[in-house]
mmCIF file of all heavy atoms, coordinates in Angstrom:
data_MODEL
# 
_entry.id   MODEL 
# 
loop_
_atom_site.group_PDB 
_atom_site.id 
_atom_site.type_symbol 
_atom_site.label_atom_id 
_atom_site.label_alt_id 
_atom_site.label_comp_id 
_atom_site.label_asym_id 
_atom_site.label_entity_id 
_atom_site.label_seq_id 
_atom_site.pdbx_PDB_ins_code 
_atom_site.Cartn_x 
_atom_site.Cartn_y 
_atom_site.Cartn_z 
_atom_site.occupancy 
_atom_site.B_iso_or_equiv 
_atom_site.pdbx_formal_charge 
_atom_site.auth_seq_id 
_atom_site.auth_comp_id 
_atom_site.auth_asym_id 
_atom_site.auth_atom_id 
_atom_site.pdbx_PDB_model_num 
ATOM 1   N N   . VAL A 1 1  ? 0.862  -1.184 0.000   1.00 0.00 ? 1  VAL A N   1 
ATOM 2   C CA  . VAL A 1 1  ? 0.000  0.000  0.000   1.00 0.00 ? 1  VAL A CA  1 
ATOM 3   C C   . VAL A 1 1  ? 0.900  1.237  0.000   1.00 0.00 ? 1  VAL A C   1 
ATOM 4   O O   . VAL A 1 1  ? 1.683  1.438  0.933   1.00 0.00 ? 1  VAL A O   1 
ATOM 5   C CB  . VAL A 1 1  ? -0.962 0.026  1.211   1.00 0.00 ? 1  VAL A CB  1 
ATOM 6   C CG1 . VAL A 1 1  ? -1.794 1.314  1.196   1.00 0.00 ? 1  VAL A CG1 1 
ATOM 7   C CG2 . VAL A 1 1  ? -1.878 -1.190 1.184   1.00 0.00 ? 1  VAL A CG2 1 
ATOM 8   N N   . PHE A 1 2  ? 0.782  2.040  -1.047  1.00 0.00 ? 2  PHE A N   1 
ATOM 9   C CA  . PHE A 1 2  ? 1.635  3.209  -1.240  1.00 0.00 ? 2  PHE A CA  1 
ATOM 10  C C   . PHE A 1 2  ? 0.794  4.484  -1.122  1.00 0.00 ? 2  PHE A C   1 
ATOM 11  O O   . PHE A 1 2  ? -0.431 4.453  -1.259  1.00 0.00 ? 2  PHE A O   1 
ATOM 12  C CB  . PHE A 1 2  ? 2.316  3.141  -2.614  1.00 0.00 ? 2  PHE A CB  1 
ATOM 13  C CG  . PHE A 1 2  ? 3.193  1.924  -2.791  1.00 0.00 ? 2  PHE A CG  1 
ATOM 14  C CD1 . PHE A 1 2  ? 2.640  0.680  -3.094  1.00 0.00 ? 2  PHE A CD1 1 
ATOM 15  C CD2 . PHE A 1 2  ? 4.560  2.010  -2.651  1.00 0.00 ? 2  PHE A CD2 1 
ATOM 16  C CE1 . PHE A 1 2  ? 3.438  -0.454 -3.248  1.00 0.00 ? 2  PHE A CE1 1 
ATOM 17  C CE2 . PHE A 1 2  ? 5.373  0.882  -2.806  1.00 0.00 ? 2  PHE A CE2 1 
ATOM 18  C CZ  . PHE A 1 2  ? 4.807  -0.337 -3.097  1.00 0.00 ? 2  PHE A CZ  1 
ATOM 19  N N   . ALA A 1 3  ? 1.444  5.608  -0.883  1.00 0.00 ? 3  ALA A N   1 
ATOM 20  C CA  . ALA A 1 3  ? 0.732  6.884  -0.755  1.00 0.00 ? 3  ALA A CA  1 
ATOM 21  C C   . ALA A 1 3  ? 1.536  7.984  -1.426  1.00 0.00 ? 3  ALA A C   1 
ATOM 22  O O   . ALA A 1 3  ? 2.777  7.946  -1.439  1.00 0.00 ? 3  ALA A O   1 
ATOM 23  C CB  . ALA A 1 3  ? 0.481  7.226  0.716   1.00 0.00 ? 3  ALA A CB  1 
ATOM 24  N N   . CYS A 1 4  ? 0.837  8.982  -1.953  1.00 0.00 ? 4  CYS A N   1 
ATOM 25  C CA  . CYS A 1 4  ? 1.517  10.096 -2.606  1.00 0.00 ? 4  CYS A CA  1 
ATOM 26  C C   . CYS A 1 4  ? 0.589  11.301 -2.696  1.00 0.00 ? 4  CYS A C   1 
ATOM 27  O O   . CYS A 1 4  ? -0.632 11.189 -2.597  1.00 0.00 ? 4  CYS A O   1 
ATOM 28  C CB  . CYS A 1 4  ? 1.971  9.704  -4.017  1.00 0.00 ? 4  CYS A CB  1 
ATOM 29  S SG  . CYS A 1 4  ? 0.637  9.086  -5.074  1.00 0.00 ? 4  CYS A SG  1 
ATOM 30  N N   . GLY A 1 5  ? 1.207  12.473 -2.896  1.00 0.00 ? 5  GLY A N   1 
ATOM 31  C CA  . GLY A 1 5  ? 0.414  13.697 -3.057  1.00 0.00 ? 5  GLY A CA  1 
ATOM 32  C C   . GLY A 1 5  ? -0.105 14.246 -1.750  1.00 0.00 ? 5  GLY A C   1 
ATOM 33  O O   . GLY A 1 5  ? 0.458  13.993 -0.675  1.00 0.00 ? 5  GLY A O   1 
ATOM 34  N N   . ASN A 1 6  ? -1.216 14.956 -1.816  1.00 0.00 ? 6  ASN A N   1 
ATOM 35  C CA  . ASN A 1 6  ? -1.736 15.652 -0.643  1.00 0.00 ? 6  ASN A CA  1 
ATOM 36  C C   . ASN A 1 6  ? -2.346 14.733 0.401   1.00 0.00 ? 6  ASN A C   1 
ATOM 37  O O   . ASN A 1 6  ? -2.619 15.171 1.513   1.00 0.00 ? 6  ASN A O   1 
ATOM 38  C CB  . ASN A 1 6  ? -2.773 16.696 -1.070  1.00 0.00 ? 6  ASN A CB  1 
ATOM 39  C CG  . ASN A 1 6  ? -2.128 17.960 -1.595  1.00 0.00 ? 6  ASN A CG  1 
ATOM 40  O OD1 . ASN A 1 6  ? -0.899 18.095 -1.619  1.00 0.00 ? 6  ASN A OD1 1 
ATOM 41  N ND2 . ASN A 1 6  ? -2.924 18.908 -2.023  1.00 0.00 ? 6  ASN A ND2 1 
ATOM 42  N N   . VAL A 1 7  ? -2.568 13.465 0.068   1.00 0.00 ? 7  VAL A N   1 
ATOM 43  C CA  . VAL A 1 7  ? -3.034 12.526 1.082   1.00 0.00 ? 7  VAL A CA  1 
ATOM 44  C C   . VAL A 1 7  ? -1.895 12.199 2.053   1.00 0.00 ? 7  VAL A C   1 
ATOM 45  O O   . VAL A 1 7  ? -2.117 11.764 3.178   1.00 0.00 ? 7  VAL A O   1 
ATOM 46  C CB  . VAL A 1 7  ? -3.596 11.233 0.441   1.00 0.00 ? 7  VAL A CB  1 
ATOM 47  C CG1 . VAL A 1 7  ? -2.470 10.266 0.047   1.00 0.00 ? 7  VAL A CG1 1 
ATOM 48  C CG2 . VAL A 1 7  ? -4.567 10.530 1.369   1.00 0.00 ? 7  VAL A CG2 1 
ATOM 49  N N   . LEU A 1 8  ? -0.678 12.425 1.599   1.00 0.00 ? 8  LEU A N   1 
ATOM 50  C CA  . LEU A 1 8  ? 0.525  12.138 2.384   1.00 0.00 ? 8  LEU A CA  1 
ATOM 51  C C   . LEU A 1 8  ? 0.927  13.345 3.217   1.00 0.00 ? 8  LEU A C   1 
ATOM 52  O O   . LEU A 1 8  ? 1.146  13.243 4.419   1.00 0.00 ? 8  LEU A O   1 
ATOM 53  C CB  . LEU A 1 8  ? 1.635  11.730 1.426   1.00 0.00 ? 8  LEU A CB  1 
ATOM 54  C CG  . LEU A 1 8  ? 2.944  11.210 1.968   1.00 0.00 ? 8  LEU A CG  1 
ATOM 55  C CD1 . LEU A 1 8  ? 2.712  10.027 2.865   1.00 0.00 ? 8  LEU A CD1 1 
ATOM 56  C CD2 . LEU A 1 8  ? 3.863  10.832 0.792   1.00 0.00 ? 8  LEU A CD2 1 
ATOM 57  N N   . HIS A 1 9  ? 1.049  14.479 2.579   1.00 0.00 ? 9  HIS A N   1 
ATOM 58  C CA  . HIS A 1 9  ? 1.280  15.769 3.248   1.00 0.00 ? 9  HIS A CA  1 
ATOM 59  C C   . HIS A 1 9  ? 0.897  16.860 2.264   1.00 0.00 ? 9  HIS A C   1 
ATOM 60  O O   . HIS A 1 9  ? 1.003  16.682 1.051   1.00 0.00 ? 9  HIS A O   1 
ATOM 61  C CB  . HIS A 1 9  ? 2.734  15.921 3.732   1.00 0.00 ? 9  HIS A CB  1 
ATOM 62  C CG  . HIS A 1 9  ? 3.770  15.821 2.649   1.00 0.00 ? 9  HIS A CG  1 
ATOM 63  N ND1 . HIS A 1 9  ? 4.945  16.549 2.649   1.00 0.00 ? 9  HIS A ND1 1 
ATOM 64  C CD2 . HIS A 1 9  ? 3.835  15.069 1.514   1.00 0.00 ? 9  HIS A CD2 1 
ATOM 65  C CE1 . HIS A 1 9  ? 5.659  16.240 1.580   1.00 0.00 ? 9  HIS A CE1 1 
ATOM 66  N NE2 . HIS A 1 9  ? 5.019  15.369 0.878   1.00 0.00 ? 9  HIS A NE2 1 
ATOM 67  N N   . VAL A 1 10 ? 0.455  17.987 2.772   1.00 0.00 ? 10 VAL A N   1 
ATOM 68  C CA  . VAL A 1 10 ? -0.076 19.051 1.922   1.00 0.00 ? 10 VAL A CA  1 
ATOM 69  C C   . VAL A 1 10 ? 1.069  19.763 1.215   1.00 0.00 ? 10 VAL A C   1 
ATOM 70  O O   . VAL A 1 10 ? 1.961  20.326 1.854   1.00 0.00 ? 10 VAL A O   1 
ATOM 71  C CB  . VAL A 1 10 ? -0.919 20.042 2.742   1.00 0.00 ? 10 VAL A CB  1 
ATOM 72  C CG1 . VAL A 1 10 ? -1.416 21.169 1.845   1.00 0.00 ? 10 VAL A CG1 1 
ATOM 73  C CG2 . VAL A 1 10 ? -2.109 19.325 3.389   1.00 0.00 ? 10 VAL A CG2 1 
ATOM 74  N N   . HIS A 1 11 ? 1.021  19.736 -0.111  1.00 0.00 ? 11 HIS A N   1 
ATOM 75  C CA  . HIS A 1 11 ? 2.059  20.355 -0.928  1.00 0.00 ? 11 HIS A CA  1 
ATOM 76  C C   . HIS A 1 11 ? 1.732  21.807 -1.219  1.00 0.00 ? 11 HIS A C   1 
ATOM 77  O O   . HIS A 1 11 ? 0.574  22.233 -1.138  1.00 0.00 ? 11 HIS A O   1 
ATOM 78  C CB  . HIS A 1 11 ? 2.211  19.610 -2.261  1.00 0.00 ? 11 HIS A CB  1 
ATOM 79  C CG  . HIS A 1 11 ? 2.844  18.260 -2.127  1.00 0.00 ? 11 HIS A CG  1 
ATOM 80  N ND1 . HIS A 1 11 ? 2.225  17.206 -1.517  1.00 0.00 ? 11 HIS A ND1 1 
ATOM 81  C CD2 . HIS A 1 11 ? 4.061  17.787 -2.525  1.00 0.00 ? 11 HIS A CD2 1 
ATOM 82  C CE1 . HIS A 1 11 ? 3.032  16.148 -1.549  1.00 0.00 ? 11 HIS A CE1 1 
ATOM 83  N NE2 . HIS A 1 11 ? 4.132  16.474 -2.153  1.00 0.00 ? 11 HIS A NE2 1 
ATOM 84  N N   . ASP A 1 12 ? 2.751  22.554 -1.638  1.00 0.00 ? 12 ASP A N   1 
ATOM 85  C CA  . ASP A 1 12 ? 2.526  23.920 -2.109  1.00 0.00 ? 12 ASP A CA  1 
ATOM 86  C C   . ASP A 1 12 ? 2.511  23.984 -3.636  1.00 0.00 ? 12 ASP A C   1 
ATOM 87  O O   . ASP A 1 12 ? 1.845  24.843 -4.201  1.00 0.00 ? 12 ASP A O   1 
ATOM 88  C CB  . ASP A 1 12 ? 3.567  24.890 -1.546  1.00 0.00 ? 12 ASP A CB  1 
ATOM 89  C CG  . ASP A 1 12 ? 5.011  24.400 -1.713  1.00 0.00 ? 12 ASP A CG  1 
ATOM 90  O OD1 . ASP A 1 12 ? 5.218  23.295 -2.258  1.00 0.00 ? 12 ASP A OD1 1 
ATOM 91  O OD2 . ASP A 1 12 ? 5.937  25.107 -1.283  1.00 0.00 ? 12 ASP A OD2 1 
ATOM 92  N N   . LEU A 1 13 ? 3.223  23.068 -4.309  1.00 0.00 ? 13 LEU A N   1 
ATOM 93  C CA  . LEU A 1 13 ? 3.268  23.062 -5.769  1.00 0.00 ? 13 LEU A CA  1 
ATOM 94  C C   . LEU A 1 13 ? 2.832  21.704 -6.306  1.00 0.00 ? 13 LEU A C   1 
ATOM 95  O O   . LEU A 1 13 ? 3.298  20.668 -5.833  1.00 0.00 ? 13 LEU A O   1 
ATOM 96  C CB  . LEU A 1 13 ? 4.681  23.362 -6.273  1.00 0.00 ? 13 LEU A CB  1 
ATOM 97  C CG  . LEU A 1 13 ? 5.258  24.752 -5.935  1.00 0.00 ? 13 LEU A CG  1 
ATOM 98  C CD1 . LEU A 1 13 ? 6.686  24.854 -6.441  1.00 0.00 ? 13 LEU A CD1 1 
ATOM 99  C CD2 . LEU A 1 13 ? 4.406  25.857 -6.517  1.00 0.00 ? 13 LEU A CD2 1 
ATOM 100 N N   . VAL A 1 14 ? 1.970  21.733 -7.315  1.00 0.00 ? 14 VAL A N   1 
ATOM 101 C CA  . VAL A 1 14 ? 1.481  20.484 -7.901  1.00 0.00 ? 14 VAL A CA  1 
ATOM 102 C C   . VAL A 1 14 ? 2.606  19.755 -8.638  1.00 0.00 ? 14 VAL A C   1 
ATOM 103 O O   . VAL A 1 14 ? 2.571  18.524 -8.783  1.00 0.00 ? 14 VAL A O   1 
ATOM 104 C CB  . VAL A 1 14 ? 0.271  20.744 -8.829  1.00 0.00 ? 14 VAL A CB  1 
ATOM 105 C CG1 . VAL A 1 14 ? 0.715  21.411 -10.127 1.00 0.00 ? 14 VAL A CG1 1 
ATOM 106 C CG2 . VAL A 1 14 ? -0.477 19.459 -9.124  1.00 0.00 ? 14 VAL A CG2 1 
ATOM 107 N N   . ASP A 1 15 ? 3.609  20.481 -9.094  1.00 0.00 ? 15 ASP A N   1 
ATOM 108 C CA  . ASP A 1 15 ? 4.744  19.852 -9.755  1.00 0.00 ? 15 ASP A CA  1 
ATOM 109 C C   . ASP A 1 15 ? 5.419  18.819 -8.837  1.00 0.00 ? 15 ASP A C   1 
ATOM 110 O O   . ASP A 1 15 ? 5.846  17.758 -9.277  1.00 0.00 ? 15 ASP A O   1 
ATOM 111 C CB  . ASP A 1 15 ? 5.758  20.909 -10.179 1.00 0.00 ? 15 ASP A CB  1 
ATOM 112 C CG  . ASP A 1 15 ? 5.142  22.033 -11.002 1.00 0.00 ? 15 ASP A CG  1 
ATOM 113 O OD1 . ASP A 1 15 ? 4.279  22.758 -10.472 1.00 0.00 ? 15 ASP A OD1 1 
ATOM 114 O OD2 . ASP A 1 15 ? 5.491  22.183 -12.170 1.00 0.00 ? 15 ASP A OD2 1 
ATOM 115 N N   . PHE A 1 16 ? 5.514  19.156 -7.541  1.00 0.00 ? 16 PHE A N   1 
ATOM 116 C CA  . PHE A 1 16 ? 6.099  18.216 -6.572  1.00 0.00 ? 16 PHE A CA  1 
ATOM 117 C C   . PHE A 1 16 ? 5.174  17.015 -6.348  1.00 0.00 ? 16 PHE A C   1 
ATOM 118 O O   . PHE A 1 16 ? 5.635  15.904 -6.104  1.00 0.00 ? 16 PHE A O   1 
ATOM 119 C CB  . PHE A 1 16 ? 6.381  18.917 -5.246  1.00 0.00 ? 16 PHE A CB  1 
ATOM 120 C CG  . PHE A 1 16 ? 7.468  19.954 -5.313  1.00 0.00 ? 16 PHE A CG  1 
ATOM 121 C CD1 . PHE A 1 16 ? 7.407  21.094 -4.526  1.00 0.00 ? 16 PHE A CD1 1 
ATOM 122 C CD2 . PHE A 1 16 ? 8.550  19.796 -6.169  1.00 0.00 ? 16 PHE A CD2 1 
ATOM 123 C CE1 . PHE A 1 16 ? 8.407  22.048 -4.578  1.00 0.00 ? 16 PHE A CE1 1 
ATOM 124 C CE2 . PHE A 1 16 ? 9.562  20.757 -6.227  1.00 0.00 ? 16 PHE A CE2 1 
ATOM 125 C CZ  . PHE A 1 16 ? 9.489  21.865 -5.434  1.00 0.00 ? 16 PHE A CZ  1 
ATOM 126 N N   . VAL A 1 17 ? 3.866  17.260 -6.408  1.00 0.00 ? 17 VAL A N   1 
ATOM 127 C CA  . VAL A 1 17 ? 2.899  16.164 -6.276  1.00 0.00 ? 17 VAL A CA  1 
ATOM 128 C C   . VAL A 1 17 ? 3.143  15.129 -7.375  1.00 0.00 ? 17 VAL A C   1 
ATOM 129 O O   . VAL A 1 17 ? 3.215  13.922 -7.113  1.00 0.00 ? 17 VAL A O   1 
ATOM 130 C CB  . VAL A 1 17 ? 1.446  16.697 -6.348  1.00 0.00 ? 17 VAL A CB  1 
ATOM 131 C CG1 . VAL A 1 17 ? 0.449  15.546 -6.492  1.00 0.00 ? 17 VAL A CG1 1 
ATOM 132 C CG2 . VAL A 1 17 ? 1.113  17.536 -5.126  1.00 0.00 ? 17 VAL A CG2 1 
ATOM 133 N N   . SER A 1 18 ? 3.277  15.609 -8.606  1.00 0.00 ? 18 SER A N   1 
ATOM 134 C CA  . SER A 1 18 ? 3.495  14.702 -9.734  1.00 0.00 ? 18 SER A CA  1 
ATOM 135 C C   . SER A 1 18 ? 4.796  13.923 -9.570  1.00 0.00 ? 18 SER A C   1 
ATOM 136 O O   . SER A 1 18 ? 4.853  12.720 -9.816  1.00 0.00 ? 18 SER A O   1 
ATOM 137 C CB  . SER A 1 18 ? 3.522  15.486 -11.054 1.00 0.00 ? 18 SER A CB  1 
ATOM 138 O OG  . SER A 1 18 ? 2.318  16.195 -11.256 1.00 0.00 ? 18 SER A OG  1 
ATOM 139 N N   . GLU A 1 19 ? 5.841  14.619 -9.146  1.00 0.00 ? 19 GLU A N   1 
ATOM 140 C CA  . GLU A 1 19 ? 7.151  13.976 -8.964  1.00 0.00 ? 19 GLU A CA  1 
ATOM 141 C C   . GLU A 1 19 ? 7.073  12.870 -7.910  1.00 0.00 ? 19 GLU A C   1 
ATOM 142 O O   . GLU A 1 19 ? 7.583  11.763 -8.104  1.00 0.00 ? 19 GLU A O   1 
ATOM 143 C CB  . GLU A 1 19 ? 8.164  15.046 -8.552  1.00 0.00 ? 19 GLU A CB  1 
ATOM 144 C CG  . GLU A 1 19 ? 9.590  14.563 -8.424  1.00 0.00 ? 19 GLU A CG  1 
ATOM 145 C CD  . GLU A 1 19 ? 10.488 15.709 -7.941  1.00 0.00 ? 19 GLU A CD  1 
ATOM 146 O OE1 . GLU A 1 19 ? 10.460 16.797 -8.558  1.00 0.00 ? 19 GLU A OE1 1 
ATOM 147 O OE2 . GLU A 1 19 ? 11.191 15.514 -6.934  1.00 0.00 ? 19 GLU A OE2 1 
ATOM 148 N N   . GLU A 1 20 ? 6.433  13.178 -6.794  1.00 0.00 ? 20 GLU A N   1 
ATOM 149 C CA  . GLU A 1 20 ? 6.282  12.224 -5.697  1.00 0.00 ? 20 GLU A CA  1 
ATOM 150 C C   . GLU A 1 20 ? 5.414  11.032 -6.115  1.00 0.00 ? 20 GLU A C   1 
ATOM 151 O O   . GLU A 1 20 ? 5.711  9.884  -5.789  1.00 0.00 ? 20 GLU A O   1 
ATOM 152 C CB  . GLU A 1 20 ? 5.644  12.954 -4.511  1.00 0.00 ? 20 GLU A CB  1 
ATOM 153 C CG  . GLU A 1 20 ? 5.679  12.245 -3.189  1.00 0.00 ? 20 GLU A CG  1 
ATOM 154 C CD  . GLU A 1 20 ? 5.106  13.171 -2.123  1.00 0.00 ? 20 GLU A CD  1 
ATOM 155 O OE1 . GLU A 1 20 ? 3.875  13.168 -1.931  1.00 0.00 ? 20 GLU A OE1 1 
ATOM 156 O OE2 . GLU A 1 20 ? 5.868  13.910 -1.509  1.00 0.00 ? 20 GLU A OE2 1 
ATOM 157 N N   . ALA A 1 21 ? 4.348  11.317 -6.862  1.00 0.00 ? 21 ALA A N   1 
ATOM 158 C CA  . ALA A 1 21 ? 3.431  10.274 -7.315  1.00 0.00 ? 21 ALA A CA  1 
ATOM 159 C C   . ALA A 1 21 ? 4.121  9.315  -8.286  1.00 0.00 ? 21 ALA A C   1 
ATOM 160 O O   . ALA A 1 21 ? 3.854  8.113  -8.284  1.00 0.00 ? 21 ALA A O   1 
ATOM 161 C CB  . ALA A 1 21 ? 2.206  10.900 -7.968  1.00 0.00 ? 21 ALA A CB  1 
ATOM 162 N N   . GLU A 1 22 ? 4.991  9.845  -9.119  1.00 0.00 ? 22 GLU A N   1 
ATOM 163 C CA  . GLU A 1 22 ? 5.724  8.977  -10.051 1.00 0.00 ? 22 GLU A CA  1 
ATOM 164 C C   . GLU A 1 22 ? 6.604  7.984  -9.303  1.00 0.00 ? 22 GLU A C   1 
ATOM 165 O O   . GLU A 1 22 ? 6.709  6.819  -9.691  1.00 0.00 ? 22 GLU A O   1 
ATOM 166 C CB  . GLU A 1 22 ? 6.540  9.824  -11.018 1.00 0.00 ? 22 GLU A CB  1 
ATOM 167 C CG  . GLU A 1 22 ? 5.654  10.482 -12.075 1.00 0.00 ? 22 GLU A CG  1 
ATOM 168 C CD  . GLU A 1 22 ? 6.376  11.494 -12.923 1.00 0.00 ? 22 GLU A CD  1 
ATOM 169 O OE1 . GLU A 1 22 ? 7.423  12.016 -12.498 1.00 0.00 ? 22 GLU A OE1 1 
ATOM 170 O OE2 . GLU A 1 22 ? 5.872  11.798 -14.017 1.00 0.00 ? 22 GLU A OE2 1 
ATOM 171 N N   . ARG A 1 23 ? 7.223  8.440  -8.223  1.00 0.00 ? 23 ARG A N   1 
ATOM 172 C CA  . ARG A 1 23 ? 8.003  7.519  -7.388  1.00 0.00 ? 23 ARG A CA  1 
ATOM 173 C C   . ARG A 1 23 ? 7.114  6.416  -6.828  1.00 0.00 ? 23 ARG A C   1 
ATOM 174 O O   . ARG A 1 23 ? 7.482  5.233  -6.837  1.00 0.00 ? 23 ARG A O   1 
ATOM 175 C CB  . ARG A 1 23 ? 8.679  8.282  -6.245  1.00 0.00 ? 23 ARG A CB  1 
ATOM 176 C CG  . ARG A 1 23 ? 9.944  9.003  -6.643  1.00 0.00 ? 23 ARG A CG  1 
ATOM 177 C CD  . ARG A 1 23 ? 10.423 9.947  -5.573  1.00 0.00 ? 23 ARG A CD  1 
ATOM 178 N NE  . ARG A 1 23 ? 10.539 9.346  -4.250  1.00 0.00 ? 23 ARG A NE  1 
ATOM 179 C CZ  . ARG A 1 23 ? 10.634 10.068 -3.126  1.00 0.00 ? 23 ARG A CZ  1 
ATOM 180 N NH1 . ARG A 1 23 ? 10.591 11.392 -3.170  1.00 0.00 ? 23 ARG A NH1 1 
ATOM 181 N NH2 . ARG A 1 23 ? 10.767 9.461  -1.974  1.00 0.00 ? 23 ARG A NH2 1 
ATOM 182 N N   . ALA A 1 24 ? 5.920  6.804  -6.357  1.00 0.00 ? 24 ALA A N   1 
ATOM 183 C CA  . ALA A 1 24 ? 4.987  5.812  -5.806  1.00 0.00 ? 24 ALA A CA  1 
ATOM 184 C C   . ALA A 1 24 ? 4.560  4.822  -6.884  1.00 0.00 ? 24 ALA A C   1 
ATOM 185 O O   . ALA A 1 24 ? 4.504  3.606  -6.641  1.00 0.00 ? 24 ALA A O   1 
ATOM 186 C CB  . ALA A 1 24 ? 3.762  6.509  -5.209  1.00 0.00 ? 24 ALA A CB  1 
ATOM 187 N N   . GLY A 1 25 ? 4.264  5.326  -8.090  1.00 0.00 ? 25 GLY A N   1 
ATOM 188 C CA  . GLY A 1 25 ? 3.848  4.461  -9.188  1.00 0.00 ? 25 GLY A CA  1 
ATOM 189 C C   . GLY A 1 25 ? 4.940  3.493  -9.609  1.00 0.00 ? 25 GLY A C   1 
ATOM 190 O O   . GLY A 1 25 ? 4.699  2.294  -9.820  1.00 0.00 ? 25 GLY A O   1 
ATOM 191 N N   . GLN A 1 26 ? 6.171  3.994  -9.716  1.00 0.00 ? 26 GLN A N   1 
ATOM 192 C CA  . GLN A 1 26 ? 7.304  3.144  -10.098 1.00 0.00 ? 26 GLN A CA  1 
ATOM 193 C C   . GLN A 1 26 ? 7.555  2.056  -9.054  1.00 0.00 ? 26 GLN A C   1 
ATOM 194 O O   . GLN A 1 26 ? 7.770  0.886  -9.397  1.00 0.00 ? 26 GLN A O   1 
ATOM 195 C CB  . GLN A 1 26 ? 8.553  4.003  -10.265 1.00 0.00 ? 26 GLN A CB  1 
ATOM 196 C CG  . GLN A 1 26 ? 8.512  4.926  -11.482 1.00 0.00 ? 26 GLN A CG  1 
ATOM 197 C CD  . GLN A 1 26 ? 9.493  6.075  -11.380 1.00 0.00 ? 26 GLN A CD  1 
ATOM 198 O OE1 . GLN A 1 26 ? 10.218 6.207  -10.398 1.00 0.00 ? 26 GLN A OE1 1 
ATOM 199 N NE2 . GLN A 1 26 ? 9.517  6.932  -12.393 1.00 0.00 ? 26 GLN A NE2 1 
ATOM 200 N N   . ASN A 1 27 ? 7.486  2.441  -7.774  1.00 0.00 ? 27 ASN A N   1 
ATOM 201 C CA  . ASN A 1 27 ? 7.759  1.474  -6.712  1.00 0.00 ? 27 ASN A CA  1 
ATOM 202 C C   . ASN A 1 27 ? 6.628  0.457  -6.567  1.00 0.00 ? 27 ASN A C   1 
ATOM 203 O O   . ASN A 1 27 ? 6.876  -0.711 -6.256  1.00 0.00 ? 27 ASN A O   1 
ATOM 204 C CB  . ASN A 1 27 ? 7.999  2.204  -5.389  1.00 0.00 ? 27 ASN A CB  1 
ATOM 205 C CG  . ASN A 1 27 ? 9.323  2.962  -5.387  1.00 0.00 ? 27 ASN A CG  1 
ATOM 206 O OD1 . ASN A 1 27 ? 10.338 2.455  -5.851  1.00 0.00 ? 27 ASN A OD1 1 
ATOM 207 N ND2 . ASN A 1 27 ? 9.325  4.182  -4.882  1.00 0.00 ? 27 ASN A ND2 1 
ATOM 208 N N   . ALA A 1 28 ? 5.377  0.897  -6.801  1.00 0.00 ? 28 ALA A N   1 
ATOM 209 C CA  . ALA A 1 28 ? 4.257  -0.043 -6.775  1.00 0.00 ? 28 ALA A CA  1 
ATOM 210 C C   . ALA A 1 28 ? 4.402  -1.064 -7.901  1.00 0.00 ? 28 ALA A C   1 
ATOM 211 O O   . ALA A 1 28 ? 4.127  -2.256 -7.713  1.00 0.00 ? 28 ALA A O   1 
ATOM 212 C CB  . ALA A 1 28 ? 2.931  0.715  -6.901  1.00 0.00 ? 28 ALA A CB  1 
# 
């Protein structure tokens, strides 16, 4: 079970959300 984006912690830039989510997707 992986987590990413604002469910994990509230971001200020959506660009960081995408970057973090890609890590979650690759690792899943």
